[in-house]
């Protein structure tokens, strides 16, 4: 078993690991792995994790042996659920769910053994380049639920990312009217191809004026802002209607850029602001959405490298995190 452990200084230590997992665990060969900005932060030593740490939480795999008791066959394709089952009560209040790649070693490796609850067979007709985004869909789904979206509500989604595009697509599916706002032409094109009618290029248009025009002066009923370095949190109150709801979303549980805004403006508008960075409860529902072909994943993956070149890919992402829409590592 080959592991790639980040040492916290832009370097992976390749380790051969002799592992004797519990008999109940499912043995798997990794197939497709997609790194997130959190994984890059782990690589750089900027994440609050115990080093050395194997990163990556978004992946698919192939079953290495028949496990009839779990309905898994040798060679079957599976989605890896990144959320770790924690025993015991959370007496101190809310605690974020633990994740592979953050709280425990993740999926950047050639083989792995996982508890059966973390292994989900591909739904029929779901492609690998769709299945690997199950957690992205889950977080977008939790975001939409948090907004309490109603038919005809305007949802402004701010940020150049796949999570932003998926959130906009789900808003459309749940009969909202999404408005995707970013200066990155790649995501504007992907959104338009996916049927998002309203897109705003913030590098060319006055966002507040444009949103006001789209909504007939009422502004957005809801806003979603992703935790990205180039996103202004001022949109929380600039383009949200009085009494509206906002969600700050992200895939970054251990690393996120600092975001500052005038919270007095949020209070003045009586806005409800929530955060969503994990979606353990929505993971199975997200896979059902994949099976229904609700989301268009065309153009998501624009770079694929073999596992042996993972270090080079992470160096590229460290130098320029927005270089690719979504890179992938093929095992």
Protein backbone atom coordinates (compact mmCIF):
# COMPACT_ATOMS: atom_id res chain seq x y z
CA UNK A 1 0.00 0.00 0.00
CA UNK A 2 1.50 3.32 -1.13
CA UNK A 3 0.62 6.48 0.83
CA UNK A 4 1.49 10.09 0.05
CA UNK A 5 1.97 11.89 3.36
CA UNK A 6 2.19 15.69 3.39
CA UNK A 7 4.95 16.85 5.74
CA UNK A 8 3.71 20.45 5.92
CA UNK A 9 6.45 21.98 3.76
CA UNK A 10 5.21 21.45 0.18
CA UNK A 11 6.48 17.90 0.06
CA UNK A 12 4.99 14.41 -0.03
CA UNK A 13 6.74 11.54 1.68
CA UNK A 14 5.94 8.34 -0.19
CA UNK A 15 5.38 5.55 2.34
CA UNK A 16 4.84 1.84 1.87
CA UNK A 17 2.33 0.89 4.55
CA UNK A 18 1.66 -2.62 5.78
CA UNK A 19 -1.90 -2.45 6.99
CA UNK A 20 -4.01 -5.09 8.71
CA UNK A 21 -7.53 -3.63 8.74
CA UNK A 22 -10.41 -5.13 10.71
CA UNK A 23 -12.18 -7.97 8.91
CA UNK A 24 -15.31 -5.87 8.61
CA UNK A 25 -13.51 -3.26 6.49
CA UNK A 26 -13.81 -3.25 2.69
CA UNK A 27 -10.57 -3.45 0.71
CA UNK A 28 -10.43 -1.04 -2.21
CA UNK A 29 -8.17 0.08 -5.03
CA UNK A 30 -8.29 3.85 -5.48
CA UNK A 31 -9.51 5.03 -8.88
CA UNK A 32 -10.06 8.82 -9.19
CA UNK A 33 -9.06 11.47 -6.62
CA UNK A 34 -9.89 15.19 -6.74
CA UNK A 35 -7.93 17.56 -4.46
CA UNK A 36 -9.62 20.57 -2.85
CA UNK A 37 -8.15 23.80 -1.52
CA UNK A 38 -8.07 22.21 1.93
CA UNK A 39 -5.84 19.48 0.55
CA UNK A 40 -3.52 22.11 -0.93
CA UNK A 41 -3.45 23.85 2.47
CA UNK A 42 -2.45 20.52 4.06
CA UNK A 43 0.33 20.19 1.48
CA UNK A 44 1.55 23.72 2.27
CA UNK A 45 1.46 23.28 6.04
CA UNK A 46 -1.28 25.90 6.47
CA UNK A 47 -4.01 23.56 7.71
CA UNK A 48 -4.74 22.77 11.34
CA UNK A 49 -3.98 19.04 11.07
CA UNK A 50 -1.56 16.61 12.65
CA UNK A 51 1.45 16.14 10.38
CA UNK A 52 2.37 14.07 8.52
CA UNK A 53 -1.09 13.69 6.98
CA UNK A 54 -2.39 11.96 3.85
CA UNK A 55 -4.75 14.52 2.22
CA UNK A 56 -7.80 14.23 -0.06
CA UNK A 57 -11.44 13.53 0.77
CA UNK A 58 -13.09 13.34 -2.69
CA UNK A 59 -12.49 10.02 -4.43
CA UNK A 60 -13.86 6.93 -6.11
CA UNK A 61 -12.49 3.40 -5.86
CA UNK A 62 -12.85 -0.18 -7.09
CA UNK A 63 -13.78 -3.08 -4.79
CA UNK A 64 -10.81 -5.48 -4.41
CA UNK A 65 -12.76 -8.51 -3.15
CA UNK A 66 -16.30 -9.84 -3.04
CA UNK A 67 -18.22 -8.63 0.02
CA UNK A 68 -21.65 -10.13 -0.53
CA UNK A 69 -22.79 -9.15 2.98
CA UNK A 70 -22.50 -5.50 1.91
CA UNK A 71 -23.78 -6.00 -1.63
CA UNK A 72 -20.32 -5.29 -3.06
CA UNK A 73 -18.71 -7.33 -5.83
CA UNK A 74 -15.09 -7.58 -6.94
CA UNK A 75 -14.45 -4.86 -9.52
CA UNK A 76 -17.49 -2.82 -8.56
CA UNK A 77 -17.09 0.97 -8.61
CA UNK A 78 -17.80 2.84 -5.38
CA UNK A 79 -17.93 6.37 -4.00
CA UNK A 80 -15.99 7.01 -0.81
CA UNK A 81 -17.93 8.79 1.92
CA UNK A 82 -15.36 11.09 3.61
CA UNK A 83 -17.23 11.52 6.91
CA UNK A 84 -15.89 9.56 9.88
CA UNK A 85 -18.37 7.90 12.21
CA UNK A 86 -17.73 9.16 15.75
CA UNK A 87 -19.05 7.22 18.75
CA UNK A 88 -20.29 8.96 21.88
CA UNK A 89 -22.36 12.01 22.73
CA UNK A 90 -21.39 15.56 21.85
CA UNK A 91 -22.09 17.10 25.26
CA UNK A 92 -20.31 20.36 24.49
CA UNK A 93 -22.72 21.36 21.73
CA UNK A 94 -22.17 21.34 17.98
CA UNK A 95 -18.96 19.74 16.78
CA UNK A 96 -18.09 19.58 13.08
CA UNK A 97 -17.97 16.06 11.66
CA UNK A 98 -14.52 14.56 11.30
CA UNK A 99 -13.16 13.91 7.84
CA UNK A 100 -10.67 11.68 6.10
CA UNK A 101 -7.83 13.83 4.82
CA UNK A 102 -8.19 16.24 7.74
CA UNK A 103 -8.76 14.41 11.02
CA UNK A 104 -7.42 11.09 9.74
CA UNK A 105 -5.29 10.10 6.77
CA UNK A 106 -7.19 10.59 3.51
CA UNK A 107 -7.43 9.08 0.06
CA UNK A 108 -4.18 10.06 -1.70
CA UNK A 109 -2.90 6.49 -2.03
CA UNK A 110 -3.20 3.42 -4.26
CA UNK A 111 -5.16 1.11 -1.91
CA UNK A 112 -7.30 1.63 1.18
CA UNK A 113 -9.58 -0.30 3.55
CA UNK A 114 -12.66 1.46 4.92
CA UNK A 115 -15.70 0.66 7.07
CA UNK A 116 -18.64 -0.46 4.91
CA UNK A 117 -20.62 2.67 5.82
CA UNK A 118 -17.99 4.73 3.98
CA UNK A 119 -18.35 2.74 0.77
CA UNK A 120 -21.30 3.47 -1.55
CA UNK A 121 -21.83 1.59 -4.81
CA UNK A 122 -22.24 3.70 -7.96
CA UNK A 123 -25.88 4.21 -8.93
CA UNK A 124 -26.70 2.89 -12.36
CA UNK A 125 -25.55 5.13 -15.23
CA UNK A 126 -23.48 7.44 -12.99
CA UNK A 127 -20.05 8.15 -14.46
CA UNK A 128 -16.87 8.31 -12.42
CA UNK A 129 -16.32 11.99 -13.28
CA UNK A 130 -19.75 12.65 -11.74
CA UNK A 131 -19.52 10.34 -8.74
CA UNK A 132 -16.32 11.93 -7.44
CA UNK A 133 -18.27 15.14 -6.74
CA UNK A 134 -20.79 13.55 -4.37
CA UNK A 135 -19.60 15.60 -1.38
CA UNK A 136 -19.69 18.84 -3.41
CA UNK A 137 -23.32 18.05 -4.26
CA UNK A 138 -24.03 17.22 -0.59
CA UNK A 139 -22.69 20.59 0.60
CA UNK A 140 -24.64 22.42 -2.10
CA UNK A 141 -27.78 20.52 -1.07
CA UNK A 142 -27.31 21.45 2.59
CA UNK A 143 -26.81 25.06 1.52
CA UNK A 144 -30.12 25.08 -0.36
CA UNK A 145 -31.89 23.49 2.61
CA UNK A 146 -30.40 26.07 4.97
CA UNK A 147 -31.74 28.89 2.78
CA UNK A 148 -35.28 27.45 3.01
CA UNK A 149 -35.69 28.23 -0.65
CA UNK A 150 -39.19 28.81 -2.01
CA UNK A 151 -40.42 28.65 -5.60
CA UNK A 152 -39.52 31.86 -7.43
CA UNK A 153 -36.95 33.08 -4.89
CA UNK A 154 -33.88 34.80 -6.30
CA UNK A 155 -30.61 33.20 -5.16
CA UNK A 156 -27.37 35.09 -5.76
CA UNK A 157 -24.41 32.69 -5.70
CA UNK A 158 -21.05 34.44 -5.45
CA UNK A 159 -17.76 32.72 -6.25
CA UNK A 160 -15.84 31.18 -9.11
CA UNK A 161 -15.90 27.49 -8.19
CA UNK A 162 -17.61 24.21 -8.92
CA UNK A 163 -19.40 24.38 -5.58
CA UNK A 164 -20.91 27.69 -6.66
CA UNK A 165 -22.05 26.24 -9.99
CA UNK A 166 -23.54 23.13 -8.37
CA UNK A 167 -25.34 25.31 -5.80
CA UNK A 168 -26.81 27.41 -8.60
CA UNK A 169 -27.91 24.27 -10.48
CA UNK A 170 -29.63 22.90 -7.38
CA UNK A 171 -31.33 26.25 -6.76
CA UNK A 172 -32.76 25.98 -10.27
CA UNK A 173 -33.84 22.38 -9.66
CA UNK A 174 -35.71 23.45 -6.51
CA UNK A 175 -37.51 26.13 -8.57
CA UNK A 176 -35.47 29.10 -7.43
CA UNK A 177 -33.95 31.69 -9.78
CA UNK A 178 -30.16 31.53 -9.45
CA UNK A 179 -27.78 34.36 -10.31
CA UNK A 180 -24.14 33.28 -10.54
CA UNK A 181 -21.65 36.08 -9.86
CA UNK A 182 -17.92 35.75 -10.57
CA UNK A 183 -15.14 37.34 -12.59
CA UNK A 184 -13.87 33.95 -13.79
CA UNK A 185 -15.08 33.38 -17.35
CA UNK A 186 -14.63 29.60 -17.03
CA UNK A 187 -17.36 29.25 -14.42
CA UNK A 188 -19.64 31.68 -16.23
CA UNK A 189 -19.39 29.44 -19.32
CA UNK A 190 -19.98 26.25 -17.30
CA UNK A 191 -23.01 27.83 -15.60
CA UNK A 192 -24.51 29.03 -18.87
CA UNK A 193 -24.02 25.58 -20.40
CA UNK A 194 -25.79 24.09 -17.37
CA UNK A 195 -28.83 26.29 -17.96
CA UNK A 196 -28.18 29.09 -15.45
CA UNK A 197 -29.90 31.96 -17.22
CA UNK A 198 -28.56 34.83 -15.10
CA UNK A 199 -24.79 35.19 -14.82
CA UNK A 200 -22.92 38.35 -13.84
CA UNK A 201 -19.27 39.08 -14.66
CA UNK A 202 -18.25 41.23 -11.71
CA UNK A 203 -15.15 42.43 -13.57
CA UNK A 204 -17.34 44.07 -16.22
CA UNK A 205 -20.61 44.95 -14.47
CA UNK A 206 -21.76 46.73 -11.34
CA UNK A 207 -23.05 43.73 -9.41
CA UNK A 208 -25.49 45.63 -7.21
CA UNK A 209 -27.04 47.44 -10.18
CA UNK A 210 -27.23 44.24 -12.22
CA UNK A 211 -28.87 42.21 -9.43
CA UNK A 212 -31.34 45.03 -8.83
CA UNK A 213 -32.21 44.97 -12.54
CA UNK A 214 -32.64 41.17 -12.63
CA UNK A 215 -34.85 41.09 -9.54
CA UNK A 216 -37.00 44.07 -10.50
CA UNK A 217 -35.56 46.16 -7.67
CA UNK A 218 -36.25 43.72 -4.82
CA UNK A 219 -32.66 42.34 -4.67
CA UNK A 220 -31.85 38.69 -3.95
CA UNK A 221 -33.98 36.81 -1.45
CA UNK A 222 -30.94 34.70 -0.61
CA UNK A 223 -27.20 34.93 -1.12
CA UNK A 224 -24.55 32.23 -1.03
CA UNK A 225 -20.91 33.25 -0.69
CA UNK A 226 -18.11 30.75 -0.94
CA UNK A 227 -15.05 31.05 1.28
CA UNK A 228 -12.58 31.93 -1.47
CA UNK A 229 -9.72 34.47 -1.31
CA UNK A 230 -11.14 36.64 -4.11
CA UNK A 231 -14.76 36.83 -2.88
CA UNK A 232 -16.00 39.99 -1.16
CA UNK A 233 -18.15 39.27 1.92
CA UNK A 234 -19.76 42.68 1.46
CA UNK A 235 -22.13 41.00 -0.99
CA UNK A 236 -23.79 39.48 2.09
CA UNK A 237 -25.63 42.74 2.67
CA UNK A 238 -25.13 44.69 -0.59
CA UNK A 239 -27.32 42.47 -2.76
CA UNK A 240 -29.55 40.70 -0.22
CA UNK A 241 -33.10 41.90 0.30
CA UNK A 242 -34.33 43.11 3.68
CA UNK A 243 -34.94 40.09 5.93
CA UNK A 244 -33.16 37.74 3.52
CA UNK A 245 -30.97 34.76 4.28
CA UNK A 246 -27.32 34.14 3.49
CA UNK A 247 -25.02 31.14 3.66
CA UNK A 248 -21.24 31.21 3.75
CA UNK A 249 -20.32 27.88 2.18
CA UNK A 250 -17.15 25.97 1.43
CA UNK A 251 -15.33 22.68 1.18
CA UNK A 252 -12.70 24.00 3.57
CA UNK A 253 -13.15 22.63 7.06
CA UNK A 254 -9.59 23.17 8.28
CA UNK A 255 -8.57 26.13 6.15
CA UNK A 256 -10.45 29.16 4.89
CA UNK A 257 -9.34 32.69 4.01
CA UNK A 258 -10.10 35.48 6.45
CA UNK A 259 -13.32 37.30 5.50
CA UNK A 260 -14.28 40.63 7.05
CA UNK A 261 -17.35 42.81 6.56
CA UNK A 262 -19.48 45.36 8.40
CA UNK A 263 -21.84 43.22 10.48
CA UNK A 264 -23.86 46.29 11.46
CA UNK A 265 -25.19 46.31 7.89
CA UNK A 266 -26.25 42.69 8.33
CA UNK A 267 -28.10 43.64 11.51
CA UNK A 268 -29.71 46.68 9.87
CA UNK A 269 -31.18 44.47 7.16
CA UNK A 270 -32.25 41.76 9.62
CA UNK A 271 -30.39 39.12 7.66
CA UNK A 272 -29.98 35.54 8.77
CA UNK A 273 -26.44 34.29 8.11
CA UNK A 274 -25.36 30.64 8.40
CA UNK A 275 -22.28 28.61 7.55
CA UNK A 276 -22.06 25.30 5.69
CA UNK A 277 -18.75 23.46 5.18
CA UNK A 278 -19.75 19.84 5.72
CA UNK A 279 -22.82 17.79 4.89
CA UNK A 280 -22.63 14.33 6.39
CA UNK A 281 -26.42 13.94 6.63
CA UNK A 282 -26.94 14.91 2.97
CA UNK A 283 -24.35 12.56 1.45
CA UNK A 284 -26.77 9.75 0.53
CA UNK A 285 -29.32 12.25 -0.81
CA UNK A 286 -26.59 13.78 -2.94
CA UNK A 287 -25.88 10.39 -4.51
CA UNK A 288 -29.58 10.07 -5.32
CA UNK A 289 -29.37 13.43 -7.09
CA UNK A 290 -26.42 12.13 -9.10
CA UNK A 291 -28.54 9.16 -10.16
CA UNK A 292 -31.31 11.51 -11.28
CA UNK A 293 -28.89 13.43 -13.54
CA UNK A 294 -29.97 16.73 -11.99
CA UNK A 295 -26.55 18.34 -12.41
CA UNK A 296 -24.48 18.84 -15.55
CA UNK A 297 -20.83 17.96 -14.84
CA UNK A 298 -19.48 18.73 -18.31
CA UNK A 299 -16.24 20.67 -18.17
CA UNK A 300 -15.62 20.09 -14.46
CA UNK A 301 -12.41 18.03 -14.73
CA UNK A 302 -9.85 19.77 -16.94
CA UNK A 303 -6.60 18.15 -15.81
CA UNK A 304 -5.77 14.50 -15.08
CA UNK A 305 -2.42 13.17 -13.83
CA UNK A 306 -1.24 9.73 -12.67
CA UNK A 307 -0.71 9.08 -8.97
CA UNK A 308 3.07 9.26 -9.35
CA UNK A 309 2.73 12.92 -10.42
CA UNK A 310 0.55 13.95 -7.47
CA UNK A 311 3.39 15.96 -5.92
CA UNK A 312 3.93 17.95 -9.12
CA UNK A 313 0.20 18.67 -9.34
CA UNK A 314 0.08 19.90 -5.75
CA UNK A 315 3.07 22.16 -6.41
CA UNK A 316 1.17 23.69 -9.35
CA UNK A 317 -1.93 24.20 -7.21
CA UNK A 318 0.13 25.72 -4.43
CA UNK A 319 1.62 28.25 -6.87
CA UNK A 320 -1.74 28.96 -8.53
CA UNK A 321 -4.84 27.51 -6.79
CA UNK A 322 -7.15 28.62 -9.62
CA UNK A 323 -5.01 27.14 -12.41
CA UNK A 324 -7.55 24.39 -13.13
CA UNK A 325 -11.32 24.17 -12.77
CA UNK A 326 -10.86 20.78 -11.14
CA UNK A 327 -7.76 18.61 -11.42
CA UNK A 328 -7.94 14.87 -10.87
CA UNK A 329 -5.50 12.11 -10.03
CA UNK A 330 -6.03 8.80 -11.81
CA UNK A 331 -4.75 5.73 -9.99
